[in-house]
Amino acid sequence: MNAVFLVMFAGLLALGFPIYLVLGLTAVGLLASTGTPMISVAQKIVDELNSQTLIAVPFFVIAATFMERGGIATALINATSSWIGRVRGGLGIVCVLACTMFAAMCGSSVATALAMGTIMVPSMIKQRYDRHFAAGVVGASGTLGILIPPSLAMVVYGVLADESVPRLFLAGIIPGLIQALLLIGWTLYYARKRGYPPAVQAGVGSFWQVNIRALPAFSIPIIVLGGIYGGLTTVTEAAALSAIAALLISLFVYRSISFGEVLPVLAIAARHAAAIMIIVVVALVFGQWVTESGITNRIVQLAQEWSLKPWQFLIFVNVLLFALGMFLEVFSVLLIALPVLIPLLEPFGIDPIHFGIIIVINMELALLTPPVGMNLFVLSSVTKAPLAEVIRGITPFAVLIALLLVTVMAVPQLSLWLPNLVLG
């Protein structure tokens, strides 16, 4: 019977049905075939969705949407440009730094790549940067949106894994900064190799002017992270405050959004948030079947029979996630993989926080790998370049992110040291 539903899953997926619908129908069918009352499934969904942490998702989506359209990206780029001075390839470094700071505000990789790509790619091409390199540095830097806190992917992982979101946020900081340094290092090397021009040195007056103008933008990560780790707000309250701050700054400081545009932007954000919430609901239904089917116990037994070590299990997981990430977007991969993988962490002695960062870095690679890497399509649209050209520019940066993944997997303290230091 299970084989019939797996064939149905593959068939619906091949026909182009949305992944949440495919997996949801399959999970409901599998549960019904085992005699599980649907009312108990519905009750579990209601219980799990009654989560204050999950309410943070729509607020972070609203904040990201207003930041993407509200002039905040421009303010950050101008400020970081004033810091770099006359460094060869400085615009590429500005892109990495600005994406890092924008990521610390919005929690979305696609929003980061879109907001920064719209501004940075034309500027780099104007200064004779190769178009494929400009697309590559923006696309790779944009993935920091889900690794640097706050991160929507981490919120969803925290809900599905029942783990502390503040700990996950802290766990992403050091790997995120390492990734930013790796991207800057490659940018410097490639800029010297290709002879890209230096960034323009701002005058003293201009330096202070652009940095003062960027102060409202810099206040958003202070509101979010300072509120959470200062004990002043919960994750959900901080998300709500970030949404309000992004709206007010966009309206009254940078004035890139008019009052008439507020409701349409909110509608766009609501649609994106609803899609994520539907994914979480389907993941809960699928997780119910995984729990009741005993599939995780069988996997643990097989691992014991094969004498699998934790590192071997992690390598298998990385290969699986890479394969899924080539064909599915981030939340679809989380939807399929996490209900099966999370119950296996305790038998293998793997810290769920460390595993969460491994998952997120894998999702960064999923955003950059064809044929369905979302950042590839965003940058192809922004640059008007063929997808093959964007992939060419992305490839060396994707290799660096893969090296980061291997390093974080081999050295758990890179992700665990900071949350253990701050939260015990």
Protein backbone atom coordinates (compact mmCIF):
# COMPACT_ATOMS: atom_id res chain seq x y z
CA MET A 1 0.00 0.00 0.00
CA ASN A 2 2.81 2.41 0.85
CA ALA A 3 4.34 1.73 -2.56
CA VAL A 4 1.11 2.82 -4.24
CA PHE A 5 1.19 6.17 -2.47
CA LEU A 6 4.89 6.65 -3.25
CA VAL A 7 4.10 6.08 -6.95
CA MET A 8 1.26 8.62 -6.59
CA PHE A 9 3.73 11.06 -5.00
CA ALA A 10 6.20 10.70 -7.88
CA GLY A 11 3.43 10.97 -10.47
CA LEU A 12 1.88 14.13 -9.05
CA LEU A 13 5.32 15.70 -8.70
CA ALA A 14 6.16 14.85 -12.32
CA LEU A 15 2.87 16.46 -13.44
CA GLY A 16 3.95 19.73 -11.86
CA PHE A 17 1.64 19.83 -8.83
CA PRO A 18 2.82 22.14 -6.01
CA ILE A 19 5.04 20.22 -3.61
CA TYR A 20 2.93 21.06 -0.54
CA LEU A 21 -0.16 19.65 -2.28
CA VAL A 22 1.66 16.52 -3.47
CA LEU A 23 3.11 15.73 -0.07
CA GLY A 24 -0.07 16.70 1.77
CA LEU A 25 -2.27 14.39 -0.31
CA THR A 26 0.27 11.58 -0.01
CA ALA A 27 0.56 11.99 3.77
CA VAL A 28 -3.22 12.07 4.25
CA GLY A 29 -3.57 8.95 2.07
CA LEU A 30 -0.86 7.11 4.00
CA LEU A 31 -2.44 8.03 7.34
CA ALA A 32 -5.91 6.99 6.13
CA SER A 33 -4.52 3.63 4.95
CA THR A 34 -3.28 2.93 8.49
CA GLY A 35 -6.71 3.70 9.98
CA THR A 36 -5.60 6.94 11.66
CA PRO A 37 -8.68 9.15 12.32
CA MET A 38 -8.39 12.39 10.37
CA ILE A 39 -9.80 14.29 13.34
CA SER A 40 -6.67 13.43 15.34
CA VAL A 41 -4.49 14.73 12.49
CA ALA A 42 -6.48 17.97 12.39
CA GLN A 43 -6.18 18.33 16.16
CA LYS A 44 -2.41 17.88 16.01
CA ILE A 45 -2.15 20.54 13.32
CA VAL A 46 -4.20 22.99 15.39
CA ASP A 47 -2.11 22.26 18.50
CA GLU A 48 1.18 22.74 16.66
CA LEU A 49 0.05 25.91 14.85
CA ASN A 50 -0.95 27.40 18.19
CA SER A 51 2.67 28.48 18.60
CA GLN A 52 3.89 31.94 19.44
CA THR A 53 7.17 31.23 17.64
CA LEU A 54 5.36 30.38 14.40
CA ILE A 55 3.52 33.71 14.51
CA ALA A 56 6.94 35.35 13.99
CA VAL A 57 7.02 34.08 10.39
CA PRO A 58 4.47 36.50 8.86
CA PHE A 59 6.01 39.45 10.73
CA PHE A 60 9.51 38.66 9.42
CA VAL A 61 8.05 38.29 5.91
CA ILE A 62 6.35 41.70 6.21
CA ALA A 63 9.59 43.28 7.42
CA ALA A 64 11.57 41.71 4.56
CA THR A 65 9.03 42.89 1.98
CA PHE A 66 9.12 46.51 3.17
CA MET A 67 12.92 46.47 3.42
CA GLU A 68 13.20 45.14 -0.12
CA ARG A 69 11.07 47.99 -1.48
CA GLY A 70 11.66 50.76 1.04
CA GLY A 71 15.07 52.26 0.25
CA ILE A 72 16.82 50.46 3.10
CA ALA A 73 19.08 48.51 0.70
CA THR A 74 20.22 51.75 -0.95
CA ALA A 75 21.10 53.32 2.40
CA LEU A 76 23.17 50.28 3.41
CA ILE A 77 25.03 50.18 0.09
CA ASN A 78 25.90 53.89 0.29
CA ALA A 79 27.18 53.49 3.86
CA THR A 80 29.34 50.44 3.11
CA SER A 81 30.70 52.12 -0.02
CA SER A 82 31.97 54.97 2.16
CA TRP A 83 33.82 52.50 4.42
CA ILE A 84 35.73 50.60 1.73
CA GLY A 85 37.55 53.55 0.19
CA ARG A 86 39.87 52.99 -2.75
CA VAL A 87 40.07 49.20 -2.66
CA ARG A 88 40.39 47.36 -5.97
CA GLY A 89 37.18 45.44 -6.50
CA GLY A 90 35.61 47.50 -3.75
CA LEU A 91 32.10 47.33 -5.19
CA GLY A 92 32.17 43.54 -4.88
CA ILE A 93 33.20 43.84 -1.23
CA VAL A 94 30.50 46.47 -0.70
CA CYS A 95 28.00 43.95 -2.07
CA VAL A 96 29.08 41.23 0.40
CA LEU A 97 29.05 43.62 3.38
CA ALA A 98 25.73 45.21 2.43
CA CYS A 99 24.13 41.76 1.92
CA THR A 100 25.47 40.67 5.33
CA MET A 101 23.84 43.65 7.03
CA PHE A 102 20.64 43.37 5.01
CA ALA A 103 20.49 39.69 5.97
CA ALA A 104 20.64 40.73 9.62
CA MET A 105 17.35 42.54 9.06
CA CYS A 106 15.13 40.56 6.70
CA GLY A 107 15.71 36.78 7.11
CA SER A 108 15.13 35.99 3.42
CA SER A 109 17.75 35.04 0.85
CA VAL A 110 15.62 35.80 -2.20
CA ALA A 111 14.63 39.23 -0.82
CA THR A 112 18.31 39.99 -0.10
CA ALA A 113 19.44 38.93 -3.58
CA LEU A 114 16.62 40.85 -5.27
CA ALA A 115 17.05 44.07 -3.29
CA MET A 116 20.84 44.12 -3.62
CA GLY A 117 20.96 42.80 -7.17
CA THR A 118 18.68 45.53 -8.48
CA ILE A 119 21.14 48.18 -7.26
CA MET A 120 24.56 46.51 -7.21
CA VAL A 121 24.63 44.61 -10.50
CA PRO A 122 24.08 47.70 -12.73
CA SER A 123 26.64 49.62 -10.65
CA MET A 124 29.28 46.90 -11.05
CA ILE A 125 28.64 46.50 -14.77
CA LYS A 126 28.96 50.28 -15.15
CA GLN A 127 32.44 50.03 -13.58
CA ARG A 128 33.43 47.33 -16.09
CA TYR A 129 32.88 44.29 -13.88
CA ASP A 130 32.13 41.10 -15.80
CA ARG A 131 28.40 40.51 -15.75
CA HIS A 132 28.72 36.88 -14.66
CA PHE A 133 30.91 37.88 -11.70
CA ALA A 134 28.50 40.64 -10.65
CA ALA A 135 25.62 38.15 -10.70
CA GLY A 136 27.71 35.56 -8.83
CA VAL A 137 28.76 37.80 -5.94
CA VAL A 138 25.20 39.10 -5.43
CA GLY A 139 23.65 35.63 -5.64
CA ALA A 140 26.13 34.06 -3.23
CA SER A 141 26.02 36.98 -0.80
CA GLY A 142 22.23 36.87 -0.91
CA THR A 143 22.24 33.37 0.61
CA LEU A 144 23.46 34.97 3.85
CA GLY A 145 19.81 36.00 4.27
CA ILE A 146 19.00 32.57 5.73
CA LEU A 147 22.25 32.06 7.69
CA ILE A 148 22.76 35.43 9.40
CA PRO A 149 20.00 35.93 12.01
CA PRO A 150 17.11 36.53 11.90
CA SER A 151 16.33 33.74 9.44
CA LEU A 152 12.95 32.48 8.26
CA ALA A 153 14.46 29.05 7.54
CA MET A 154 15.72 28.86 11.14
CA VAL A 155 12.29 29.82 12.50
CA VAL A 156 10.65 27.05 10.48
CA TYR A 157 13.35 24.57 11.51
CA GLY A 158 12.92 25.58 15.15
CA VAL A 159 9.18 24.97 14.99
CA LEU A 160 9.46 21.60 13.21
CA ALA A 161 12.34 20.40 15.40
CA ASP A 162 10.92 21.95 18.60
CA GLU A 163 14.22 23.76 19.21
CA SER A 164 15.07 27.20 20.58
CA VAL A 165 14.99 29.82 17.81
CA PRO A 166 17.24 32.25 19.77
CA ARG A 167 19.88 29.49 20.04
CA LEU A 168 19.60 28.81 16.32
CA PHE A 169 20.01 32.53 15.58
CA LEU A 170 23.20 32.66 17.65
CA ALA A 171 24.49 29.45 16.07
CA GLY A 172 24.34 31.04 12.61
CA ILE A 173 26.44 34.12 13.42
CA ILE A 174 29.98 32.66 13.31
CA PRO A 175 29.39 30.48 10.21
CA GLY A 176 27.72 33.49 8.56
CA LEU A 177 30.68 35.76 9.26
CA ILE A 178 33.10 33.07 8.03
CA GLN A 179 31.11 32.81 4.82
CA ALA A 180 31.20 36.59 4.36
CA LEU A 181 35.00 36.55 4.79
CA LEU A 182 35.36 33.72 2.27
CA LEU A 183 33.30 35.64 -0.27
CA ILE A 184 35.30 38.83 0.34
CA GLY A 185 38.58 36.91 -0.05
CA TRP A 186 37.54 35.47 -3.42
CA THR A 187 36.23 38.87 -4.53
CA LEU A 188 39.58 40.53 -3.73
CA TYR A 189 41.51 37.81 -5.55
CA TYR A 190 39.30 37.88 -8.63
CA ALA A 191 39.22 41.70 -8.73
CA ARG A 192 43.03 41.86 -8.81
CA LYS A 193 43.18 39.09 -11.40
CA ARG A 194 40.70 40.86 -13.71
CA GLY A 195 41.89 44.39 -12.95
CA TYR A 196 38.56 45.73 -11.68
CA PRO A 197 38.68 49.42 -10.69
CA PRO A 198 38.78 50.61 -7.06
CA ALA A 199 35.71 51.89 -5.29
CA VAL A 200 35.30 55.65 -5.23
CA GLN A 201 36.61 57.35 -2.08
CA ALA A 202 33.90 59.42 -0.44
CA GLY A 203 34.69 62.85 0.95
CA VAL A 204 34.50 63.49 4.71
CA GLY A 205 31.21 65.32 4.45
CA SER A 206 29.73 62.64 2.23
CA PHE A 207 31.05 59.90 4.56
CA TRP A 208 29.21 61.29 7.56
CA GLN A 209 26.14 62.16 5.52
CA VAL A 210 25.57 58.66 4.10
CA ASN A 211 26.32 56.93 7.42
CA ILE A 212 23.96 59.17 9.38
CA ARG A 213 21.31 58.53 6.75
CA ALA A 214 21.86 54.77 7.20
CA LEU A 215 21.39 54.88 10.99
CA PRO A 216 17.62 54.15 10.84
CA ALA A 217 18.39 51.04 8.73
CA PHE A 218 21.04 49.93 11.23
CA SER A 219 18.46 50.23 14.02
CA ILE A 220 16.44 47.25 12.73
CA PRO A 221 18.91 44.45 13.67
CA ILE A 222 19.45 46.19 16.99
CA ILE A 223 15.68 46.08 17.60
CA VAL A 224 15.44 42.40 16.63
CA LEU A 225 18.58 40.86 18.15
CA GLY A 226 18.96 43.34 20.99
CA GLY A 227 15.37 42.78 22.05
CA ILE A 228 15.68 38.98 21.97
CA TYR A 229 19.04 38.62 23.72
CA GLY A 230 18.50 41.56 26.05
CA GLY A 231 15.49 39.71 27.44
CA LEU A 232 13.14 42.53 26.42
CA THR A 233 11.13 40.70 23.75
CA THR A 234 10.29 37.24 22.54
CA VAL A 235 11.18 36.22 18.97
CA THR A 236 7.60 36.97 17.88
CA GLU A 237 7.54 40.40 19.55
CA ALA A 238 10.90 41.27 17.99
CA ALA A 239 9.59 40.20 14.57
CA ALA A 240 6.53 42.42 14.99
CA LEU A 241 8.70 45.36 16.02
CA SER A 242 10.96 44.82 12.99
CA ALA A 243 7.92 44.87 10.69
CA ILE A 244 6.68 48.12 12.24
CA ALA A 245 10.17 49.67 12.10
CA ALA A 246 10.62 48.68 8.43
CA LEU A 247 7.25 50.20 7.56
CA LEU A 248 7.88 53.48 9.40
CA ILE A 249 11.44 53.85 8.07
CA SER A 250 10.29 53.17 4.50
CA LEU A 251 7.43 55.66 4.79
CA PHE A 252 8.91 58.53 6.78
CA VAL A 253 12.72 58.31 6.51
CA TYR A 254 13.57 57.05 3.01
CA ARG A 255 10.10 57.76 1.58
CA SER A 256 10.47 55.06 -1.05
CA ILE A 257 6.95 53.79 -0.36
CA SER A 258 3.83 55.95 -0.37
CA PHE A 259 0.78 55.43 1.82
CA GLY A 260 -1.07 54.13 -1.22
CA GLU A 261 1.48 51.34 -1.65
CA VAL A 262 1.29 50.04 1.92
CA LEU A 263 -1.72 47.76 1.42
CA PRO A 264 -0.41 46.20 -1.85
CA VAL A 265 2.96 45.50 -0.17
CA LEU A 266 1.15 43.97 2.82
CA ALA A 267 -0.85 41.79 0.42
CA ILE A 268 2.36 40.52 -1.21
CA ALA A 269 3.84 39.77 2.23
CA ALA A 270 0.65 38.01 3.35
CA ARG A 271 0.74 35.77 0.27
CA HIS A 272 4.36 34.78 0.92
CA ALA A 273 3.68 34.18 4.63
CA ALA A 274 0.61 32.08 3.85
CA ALA A 275 2.68 29.87 1.54
CA ILE A 276 5.18 29.22 4.32
CA MET A 277 2.43 28.45 6.84
CA ILE A 278 0.84 25.96 4.43
CA ILE A 279 4.22 24.26 4.09
CA VAL A 280 4.50 23.98 7.88
CA VAL A 281 1.00 22.45 8.10
CA VAL A 282 1.81 19.82 5.47
CA ALA A 283 5.12 19.06 7.21
CA LEU A 284 3.23 18.40 10.44
CA VAL A 285 0.84 16.00 8.67
CA PHE A 286 3.74 14.17 7.02
CA GLY A 287 5.59 14.08 10.34
CA GLN A 288 2.53 12.45 11.92
CA TRP A 289 2.73 9.61 9.41
CA VAL A 290 6.51 9.24 9.84
CA THR A 291 6.05 8.94 13.61
CA GLU A 292 3.23 6.39 13.41
CA SER A 293 4.77 4.32 10.61
CA GLY A 294 7.90 3.48 12.63
CA ILE A 295 10.09 4.37 9.66
CA THR A 296 12.61 6.20 11.83
CA ASN A 297 13.03 3.18 14.09
CA ARG A 298 13.69 1.04 11.04
CA ILE A 299 16.30 3.50 9.75
CA VAL A 300 18.04 3.46 13.15
CA GLN A 301 18.06 -0.35 13.11
CA LEU A 302 19.59 -0.37 9.63
CA ALA A 303 22.22 2.15 10.74
CA GLN A 304 23.12 -0.06 13.69
CA GLU A 305 23.33 -3.13 11.46
CA TRP A 306 25.63 -1.25 9.09
CA SER A 307 27.59 0.29 12.01
CA LEU A 308 27.15 3.80 10.65
CA LYS A 309 29.06 6.52 12.47
CA PRO A 310 27.50 10.00 13.01
CA TRP A 311 29.83 11.57 10.44
CA GLN A 312 28.83 8.97 7.86
CA PHE A 313 25.18 9.72 8.56
CA LEU A 314 25.85 13.46 8.09
CA ILE A 315 27.57 12.83 4.76
CA PHE A 316 24.52 10.84 3.62
CA VAL A 317 22.23 13.68 4.75
CA ASN A 318 24.30 16.27 2.88
CA VAL A 319 24.19 14.23 -0.34
CA LEU A 320 20.42 13.77 0.05
CA LEU A 321 19.81 17.47 0.71
CA PHE A 322 22.03 18.50 -2.21
CA ALA A 323 20.05 16.22 -4.54
CA LEU A 324 16.71 17.54 -3.25
CA GLY A 325 17.96 21.13 -3.43
CA MET A 326 18.69 20.80 -7.13
CA PHE A 327 15.00 20.30 -7.89
CA LEU A 328 13.06 21.88 -5.01
CA GLU A 329 13.04 25.27 -3.31
CA VAL A 330 14.15 25.73 0.30
CA PHE A 331 10.91 25.27 2.21
CA SER A 332 9.92 22.28 0.09
CA VAL A 333 13.20 20.55 1.01
CA LEU A 334 12.60 21.30 4.69
CA LEU A 335 9.07 19.99 4.31
CA ILE A 336 10.19 16.66 2.88
CA ALA A 337 13.40 16.00 4.83
CA LEU A 338 12.95 17.28 8.38
CA PRO A 339 10.09 15.02 9.54
CA VAL A 340 12.26 12.00 8.65
CA LEU A 341 15.66 13.32 9.77
CA ILE A 342 14.90 15.06 13.07
CA PRO A 343 13.92 11.87 14.97
CA LEU A 344 17.25 10.32 13.91
CA LEU A 345 19.43 12.96 15.59
CA GLU A 346 19.18 11.62 19.14
CA PRO A 347 20.11 8.00 18.23
CA PHE A 348 23.17 9.30 16.38
CA GLY A 349 24.09 11.74 19.17
CA ILE A 350 23.92 14.82 16.89
CA ASP A 351 23.12 18.18 18.45
CA PRO A 352 19.89 19.54 16.86
CA ILE A 353 21.24 23.12 16.89
CA HIS A 354 24.40 22.06 15.04
CA PHE A 355 22.28 20.04 12.64
CA GLY A 356 20.08 23.08 12.04
CA ILE A 357 23.06 25.09 10.78
CA ILE A 358 24.11 22.18 8.53
CA ILE A 359 20.58 22.18 7.11
CA VAL A 360 20.62 25.95 6.52
CA ILE A 361 23.99 25.90 4.72
CA ASN A 362 22.67 23.09 2.54
CA MET A 363 19.69 25.31 1.76
CA GLU A 364 22.10 28.08 0.75
CA LEU A 365 23.55 25.69 -1.82
CA ALA A 366 20.03 24.76 -2.91
CA LEU A 367 19.43 28.44 -3.75
CA LEU A 368 22.48 28.37 -6.07
CA THR A 369 22.22 25.00 -7.79
CA PRO A 370 20.37 24.43 -11.07
CA PRO A 371 17.83 23.67 -12.30
CA VAL A 372 15.62 25.23 -9.59
CA GLY A 373 17.98 27.52 -7.61
CA MET A 374 15.82 30.56 -6.82
CA ASN A 375 18.74 32.99 -6.61
CA LEU A 376 19.82 31.93 -10.11
CA PHE A 377 16.48 33.00 -11.54
CA VAL A 378 16.42 36.23 -9.51
CA LEU A 379 19.86 37.23 -10.80
CA SER A 380 19.09 36.12 -14.35
CA SER A 381 16.04 38.40 -14.26
CA VAL A 382 17.94 41.34 -12.74
CA THR A 383 20.96 41.10 -15.07
CA LYS A 384 19.05 40.03 -18.22
CA ALA A 385 21.79 37.39 -18.55
CA PRO A 386 21.25 33.77 -19.69
CA LEU A 387 20.96 31.29 -16.85
CA ALA A 388 24.18 29.56 -17.96
CA GLU A 389 26.10 32.83 -17.53
CA VAL A 390 24.71 33.32 -14.02
CA ILE A 391 25.65 29.72 -13.11
CA ARG A 392 29.19 30.38 -14.35
CA GLY A 393 29.48 33.37 -12.02
CA ILE A 394 27.93 31.53 -9.07
CA THR A 395 30.07 28.37 -9.29
CA PRO A 396 33.27 29.50 -7.46
CA PHE A 397 31.18 31.03 -4.67
CA ALA A 398 29.12 27.83 -4.37
CA VAL A 399 32.37 25.88 -3.97
CA LEU A 400 33.35 28.19 -1.08
CA ILE A 401 29.98 27.65 0.60
CA ALA A 402 30.43 23.88 0.18
CA LEU A 403 33.83 24.17 1.91
CA LEU A 404 32.12 26.08 4.72
CA LEU A 405 29.58 23.25 5.01
CA VAL A 406 32.33 20.64 5.37
CA THR A 407 34.12 22.79 7.97
CA VAL A 408 30.98 23.37 10.06
CA MET A 409 30.13 19.68 9.88
CA ALA A 410 33.64 18.70 11.04
CA VAL A 411 33.88 21.39 13.77
CA PRO A 412 30.54 21.58 15.63
CA GLN A 413 31.85 24.28 17.99
CA LEU A 414 31.74 26.81 15.14
CA SER A 415 27.96 26.72 15.51
CA LEU A 416 27.62 25.69 19.17
CA TRP A 417 30.18 27.89 20.95
CA LEU A 418 28.26 31.17 20.80
CA PRO A 419 24.80 29.86 21.85
CA ASN A 420 26.43 27.89 24.69
CA LEU A 421 28.37 30.98 25.79
CA VAL A 422 25.39 33.34 25.73
CA LEU A 423 22.51 31.05 26.75
CA GLY A 424 24.34 28.29 28.63
